[in-house]
């Protein structure tokens, strides 16, 4: 189990990259990543505890492992500074996302109201847990995005799981997450955007969004789905004319 003194902070990407990806959303960004060779960036399992948020930010990671009592026999309040689920929150900055590999465990509440209140107070954008939280009614009231598999009354190490390491590579929902990767989360779920690919994803997504706006307009008028989604060569001139007629920003 990692010592708190060995924990390192993450390298954060430019905030404008995260803001742009939050506006783009998971569906478009996932599609573009697949065309760029990242076959499946979705973190499967966690769903929104409350809907209506679209956020993106760098990942602070927490790795959990099966409990072994000789390494971790504490209850919830014993030696709190040795409990690593606290230490993933300490370096949180505005816009950060906390990502937890909780092994899909449905019995351990990794965070509760107090921990999540601290993260919200630090300006964190949200959490993604491949497992559960507790105090869900209070958690819903926080200004914080929350994506989880479920909820439980149990505290983080009450059953068969312990926090093991912070800001290390984790497998969350079957996807590799590196500390500092950009996590994009909205009502459709959660994806991982490697920082090195973020600018290209944004550029591709902007073009994608533009032709989709044109396609949506034509389809709303009863246009032929076979011609307008995706755009075919036969309507390219029509699309260019529409695009040129749009008011400048």
Protein backbone atom coordinates (compact mmCIF):
# COMPACT_ATOMS: atom_id res chain seq x y z
CA UNK A 1 0.00 0.00 0.00
CA UNK A 2 1.34 3.41 -0.98
CA UNK A 3 2.63 5.75 1.70
CA UNK A 4 1.03 9.21 1.76
CA UNK A 5 4.52 10.71 1.53
CA UNK A 6 5.02 9.02 -1.87
CA UNK A 7 1.97 10.62 -3.50
CA UNK A 8 2.69 13.03 -6.35
CA UNK A 9 0.43 15.67 -7.82
CA UNK A 10 -0.64 15.49 -11.46
CA UNK A 11 0.42 17.58 -14.44
CA UNK A 12 -2.67 19.52 -15.51
CA UNK A 13 -3.53 20.32 -19.13
CA UNK A 14 -4.50 23.83 -20.22
CA UNK A 15 -7.89 24.75 -18.84
CA UNK A 16 -9.15 25.84 -22.26
CA UNK A 17 -8.77 22.28 -23.53
CA UNK A 18 -10.99 20.98 -20.75
CA UNK A 19 -13.56 23.73 -21.23
CA UNK A 20 -13.79 23.01 -24.96
CA UNK A 21 -14.22 19.27 -24.38
CA UNK A 22 -16.98 19.90 -21.83
CA UNK A 23 -18.89 21.82 -24.50
CA UNK A 24 -18.26 19.14 -27.12
CA UNK A 25 -19.52 16.33 -24.85
CA UNK A 26 -18.86 12.64 -24.69
CA UNK A 27 -20.72 11.44 -27.80
CA UNK A 28 -18.88 13.58 -30.34
CA UNK A 29 -15.51 13.30 -28.59
CA UNK A 30 -15.84 9.51 -28.38
CA UNK A 31 -16.66 9.29 -32.09
CA UNK A 32 -13.67 11.39 -33.06
CA UNK A 33 -11.33 9.44 -30.79
CA UNK A 34 -12.44 6.20 -32.45
CA UNK A 35 -11.52 7.66 -35.85
CA UNK A 36 -8.13 8.61 -34.41
CA UNK A 37 -7.36 5.08 -33.27
CA UNK A 38 -8.65 5.10 -29.67
CA UNK A 39 -11.18 2.34 -30.22
CA UNK A 40 -13.24 2.66 -27.05
CA UNK A 41 -12.59 5.50 -24.57
CA UNK A 42 -15.73 4.91 -22.49
CA UNK A 43 -15.50 4.17 -18.77
CA UNK A 44 -18.29 1.59 -18.51
CA UNK A 45 -20.46 1.30 -15.45
CA UNK A 46 -20.60 4.73 -13.77
CA UNK A 47 -23.74 6.74 -14.57
CA UNK A 48 -24.81 10.20 -13.40
CA UNK A 49 -26.18 10.39 -9.88
CA UNK A 50 -27.91 13.54 -11.11
CA UNK A 51 -28.42 14.55 -14.70
CA UNK A 52 -27.83 17.80 -16.57
CA UNK A 53 -24.08 18.34 -16.15
CA UNK A 54 -21.33 18.29 -18.77
CA UNK A 55 -17.85 18.61 -17.31
CA UNK A 56 -14.25 17.92 -18.25
CA UNK A 57 -11.09 18.05 -16.20
CA UNK A 58 -7.81 16.32 -15.40
CA UNK A 59 -7.89 13.03 -13.52
CA UNK A 60 -6.74 12.60 -9.95
CA UNK A 61 -6.72 8.82 -9.58
CA UNK A 62 -7.40 6.47 -6.67
CA UNK A 63 -6.66 2.77 -6.95
CA UNK A 64 -8.52 0.37 -4.64
CA UNK A 65 -7.57 -3.22 -3.94
CA UNK A 66 -9.13 -6.20 -2.11
CA UNK A 67 -8.90 -5.76 1.64
CA UNK A 68 -6.23 -7.61 3.60
CA UNK A 69 -6.52 -7.01 7.31
CA UNK A 70 -2.81 -7.23 8.11
CA UNK A 71 -2.29 -4.22 5.84
CA UNK A 72 -5.48 -2.34 6.65
CA UNK A 73 -7.43 -3.07 9.78
CA UNK A 74 -8.61 0.42 10.64
CA UNK A 75 -12.20 1.48 11.03
CA UNK A 76 -13.56 4.66 9.47
CA UNK A 77 -11.99 7.13 11.93
CA UNK A 78 -8.80 5.37 13.02
CA UNK A 79 -5.60 6.99 11.76
CA UNK A 80 -7.43 9.16 9.24
CA UNK A 81 -4.24 10.49 7.64
CA UNK A 82 -3.26 6.94 6.64
CA UNK A 83 -6.50 6.52 4.67
CA UNK A 84 -5.58 7.20 1.07
CA UNK A 85 -9.08 8.08 -0.14
CA UNK A 86 -8.52 11.36 1.73
CA UNK A 87 -5.18 11.99 0.02
CA UNK A 88 -6.57 11.88 -3.50
CA UNK A 89 -8.72 14.88 -2.51
CA UNK A 90 -6.07 17.00 -0.82
CA UNK A 91 -4.38 18.25 -4.03
CA UNK A 92 -7.70 18.93 -5.80
CA UNK A 93 -7.92 22.19 -7.70
CA UNK A 94 -10.78 23.91 -9.49
CA UNK A 95 -11.94 21.81 -12.41
CA UNK A 96 -10.29 18.54 -11.36
CA UNK A 97 -11.98 15.15 -11.72
CA UNK A 98 -11.40 12.36 -9.17
CA UNK A 99 -11.41 8.92 -10.81
CA UNK A 100 -11.64 5.80 -8.64
CA UNK A 101 -10.86 2.24 -9.65
CA UNK A 102 -13.17 0.60 -7.10
CA UNK A 103 -13.15 -2.74 -8.95
CA UNK A 104 -16.90 -2.53 -9.59
CA UNK A 105 -17.49 -3.20 -5.88
CA UNK A 106 -21.11 -2.54 -4.88
CA UNK A 107 -20.64 -2.72 -1.09
CA UNK A 108 -18.04 -0.05 -0.26
CA UNK A 109 -18.94 3.65 -0.25
CA UNK A 110 -15.66 5.21 -1.36
CA UNK A 111 -16.72 8.75 -0.43
CA UNK A 112 -19.48 10.15 1.71
CA UNK A 113 -21.01 13.57 2.24
CA UNK A 114 -18.06 15.13 4.09
CA UNK A 115 -15.40 14.06 1.58
CA UNK A 116 -17.54 15.16 -1.34
CA UNK A 117 -18.32 18.48 0.35
CA UNK A 118 -14.58 19.08 0.66
CA UNK A 119 -14.06 18.35 -3.04
CA UNK A 120 -16.91 20.64 -4.02
CA UNK A 121 -15.49 23.35 -1.78
CA UNK A 122 -12.15 23.05 -3.59
CA UNK A 123 -13.93 23.66 -6.89
CA UNK A 124 -13.66 20.08 -8.13
CA UNK A 125 -15.67 19.37 -11.27
CA UNK A 126 -16.71 15.87 -10.28
CA UNK A 127 -16.00 12.26 -9.38
CA UNK A 128 -16.15 9.03 -11.34
CA UNK A 129 -16.31 5.85 -9.25
CA UNK A 130 -16.35 2.34 -10.66
CA UNK A 131 -18.27 1.42 -7.53
CA UNK A 132 -20.33 3.28 -4.93
CA UNK A 133 -20.60 6.31 -2.71
CA UNK A 134 -22.78 6.78 0.35
CA UNK A 135 -24.85 9.69 1.72
CA UNK A 136 -26.31 9.95 -1.77
CA UNK A 137 -29.21 12.25 -0.86
CA UNK A 138 -26.81 14.87 0.52
CA UNK A 139 -24.37 14.27 -2.33
CA UNK A 140 -27.05 15.19 -4.86
CA UNK A 141 -27.34 18.62 -3.26
CA UNK A 142 -23.67 19.47 -3.86
CA UNK A 143 -22.38 21.56 -6.76
CA UNK A 144 -20.45 18.57 -8.06
CA UNK A 145 -20.81 16.12 -10.92
CA UNK A 146 -21.09 12.53 -9.67
CA UNK A 147 -20.87 9.38 -11.82
CA UNK A 148 -21.13 6.08 -9.94
CA UNK A 149 -22.26 2.48 -10.35
CA UNK A 150 -24.53 2.76 -7.33
CA UNK A 151 -24.91 3.75 -3.70
CA UNK A 152 -24.50 1.96 -0.36
CA UNK A 153 -24.75 2.78 3.36
CA UNK A 154 -21.30 1.24 4.01
CA UNK A 155 -18.16 3.33 4.47
CA UNK A 156 -15.11 2.97 2.25
CA UNK A 157 -13.25 0.10 3.99
CA UNK A 158 -16.13 -1.46 5.91
CA UNK A 159 -16.36 -4.50 3.63
CA UNK A 160 -13.83 -5.95 1.20
CA UNK A 161 -12.09 -2.96 -0.38
CA UNK A 162 -9.29 -0.60 0.65
CA UNK A 163 -7.75 2.51 -0.95
CA UNK A 164 -4.31 1.41 -2.10
CA UNK A 165 -2.57 4.10 -4.19
CA UNK A 166 -3.08 7.68 -5.39
CA UNK A 167 -2.21 9.28 -8.72
CA UNK A 168 -1.08 6.06 -10.35
CA UNK A 169 -2.43 4.49 -13.57
CA UNK A 170 -5.78 2.83 -12.87
CA UNK A 171 -8.25 0.64 -14.73
CA UNK A 172 -11.62 2.31 -14.24
CA UNK A 173 -14.58 0.60 -15.85
CA UNK A 174 -12.25 -1.39 -18.06
CA UNK A 175 -10.37 1.65 -19.39
CA UNK A 176 -6.82 2.73 -18.60
CA UNK A 177 -6.74 6.17 -16.94
CA UNK A 178 -3.43 7.93 -16.50
CA UNK A 179 -3.10 10.68 -13.88
CA UNK A 180 -3.77 13.97 -15.67
CA UNK A 181 -5.81 12.46 -18.53
CA UNK A 182 -8.82 14.60 -19.40
CA UNK A 183 -12.06 13.06 -18.19
CA UNK A 184 -15.21 14.16 -20.03
CA UNK A 185 -18.53 13.30 -18.40
CA UNK A 186 -22.16 14.11 -19.14
CA UNK A 187 -25.57 12.44 -19.26
CA UNK A 188 -24.30 9.83 -21.76
CA UNK A 189 -21.52 8.65 -19.44
CA UNK A 190 -17.77 9.13 -19.09
CA UNK A 191 -14.83 8.99 -21.52
CA UNK A 192 -11.06 9.42 -21.28
CA UNK A 193 -9.24 11.83 -23.62
CA UNK A 194 -5.43 11.51 -23.64
CA UNK A 195 -3.96 14.99 -23.22
CA UNK A 196 -1.73 14.60 -26.30
CA UNK A 197 -4.83 14.06 -28.46
CA UNK A 198 -7.07 16.72 -26.93
CA UNK A 199 -6.35 19.56 -29.36
CA UNK A 200 -6.98 17.32 -32.39
CA UNK A 201 -10.19 15.98 -30.86
CA UNK A 202 -11.39 19.56 -30.37
CA UNK A 203 -10.51 20.57 -33.95
CA UNK A 204 -12.19 17.51 -35.44
CA UNK A 205 -15.22 17.89 -33.18
CA UNK A 206 -15.73 21.53 -34.19
CA UNK A 207 -15.93 20.51 -37.84
CA UNK A 208 -18.17 17.58 -36.94
CA UNK A 209 -20.54 19.84 -34.98
CA UNK A 210 -20.80 22.25 -37.91
CA UNK A 211 -21.85 19.69 -40.50
CA UNK A 212 -24.18 18.05 -37.99
CA UNK A 213 -25.90 21.41 -37.47
CA UNK A 214 -26.51 21.61 -41.22
CA UNK A 215 -27.66 17.97 -41.35
CA UNK A 216 -30.01 18.51 -38.40
CA UNK A 217 -31.51 21.55 -40.14
CA UNK A 218 -32.13 19.66 -43.37
CA UNK A 219 -33.50 16.58 -41.59
CA UNK A 220 -35.91 18.76 -39.61
CA UNK A 221 -37.27 19.91 -42.99
CA UNK A 222 -37.87 16.31 -44.06
CA UNK A 223 -34.55 15.88 -45.88
CA UNK A 224 -33.39 12.43 -46.98
CA UNK A 225 -31.49 10.68 -44.18
CA UNK A 226 -29.46 8.80 -46.79
CA UNK A 227 -28.14 12.10 -48.16
CA UNK A 228 -27.74 14.20 -45.04
CA UNK A 229 -26.50 11.86 -42.29
CA UNK A 230 -23.67 11.48 -42.77
CA UNK A 231 -23.26 14.10 -45.47
CA UNK A 232 -22.72 12.62 -48.91
CA UNK A 233 -20.70 14.07 -51.76
CA UNK A 234 -23.92 15.01 -53.50
CA UNK A 235 -24.81 17.64 -50.89
CA UNK A 236 -21.33 19.08 -50.28
CA UNK A 237 -21.97 22.17 -52.43
CA UNK A 238 -25.24 22.75 -50.59
CA UNK A 239 -23.44 22.42 -47.26
CA UNK A 240 -20.68 24.85 -48.24
CA UNK A 241 -23.27 27.40 -49.41
CA UNK A 242 -25.16 27.05 -46.11
CA UNK A 243 -21.95 27.38 -44.12
CA UNK A 244 -20.88 30.52 -46.00
CA UNK A 245 -24.28 32.08 -45.37
CA UNK A 246 -23.99 31.72 -41.58
CA UNK A 247 -23.31 34.95 -39.63
CA UNK A 248 -19.73 35.38 -38.43
CA UNK A 249 -19.11 34.87 -34.72
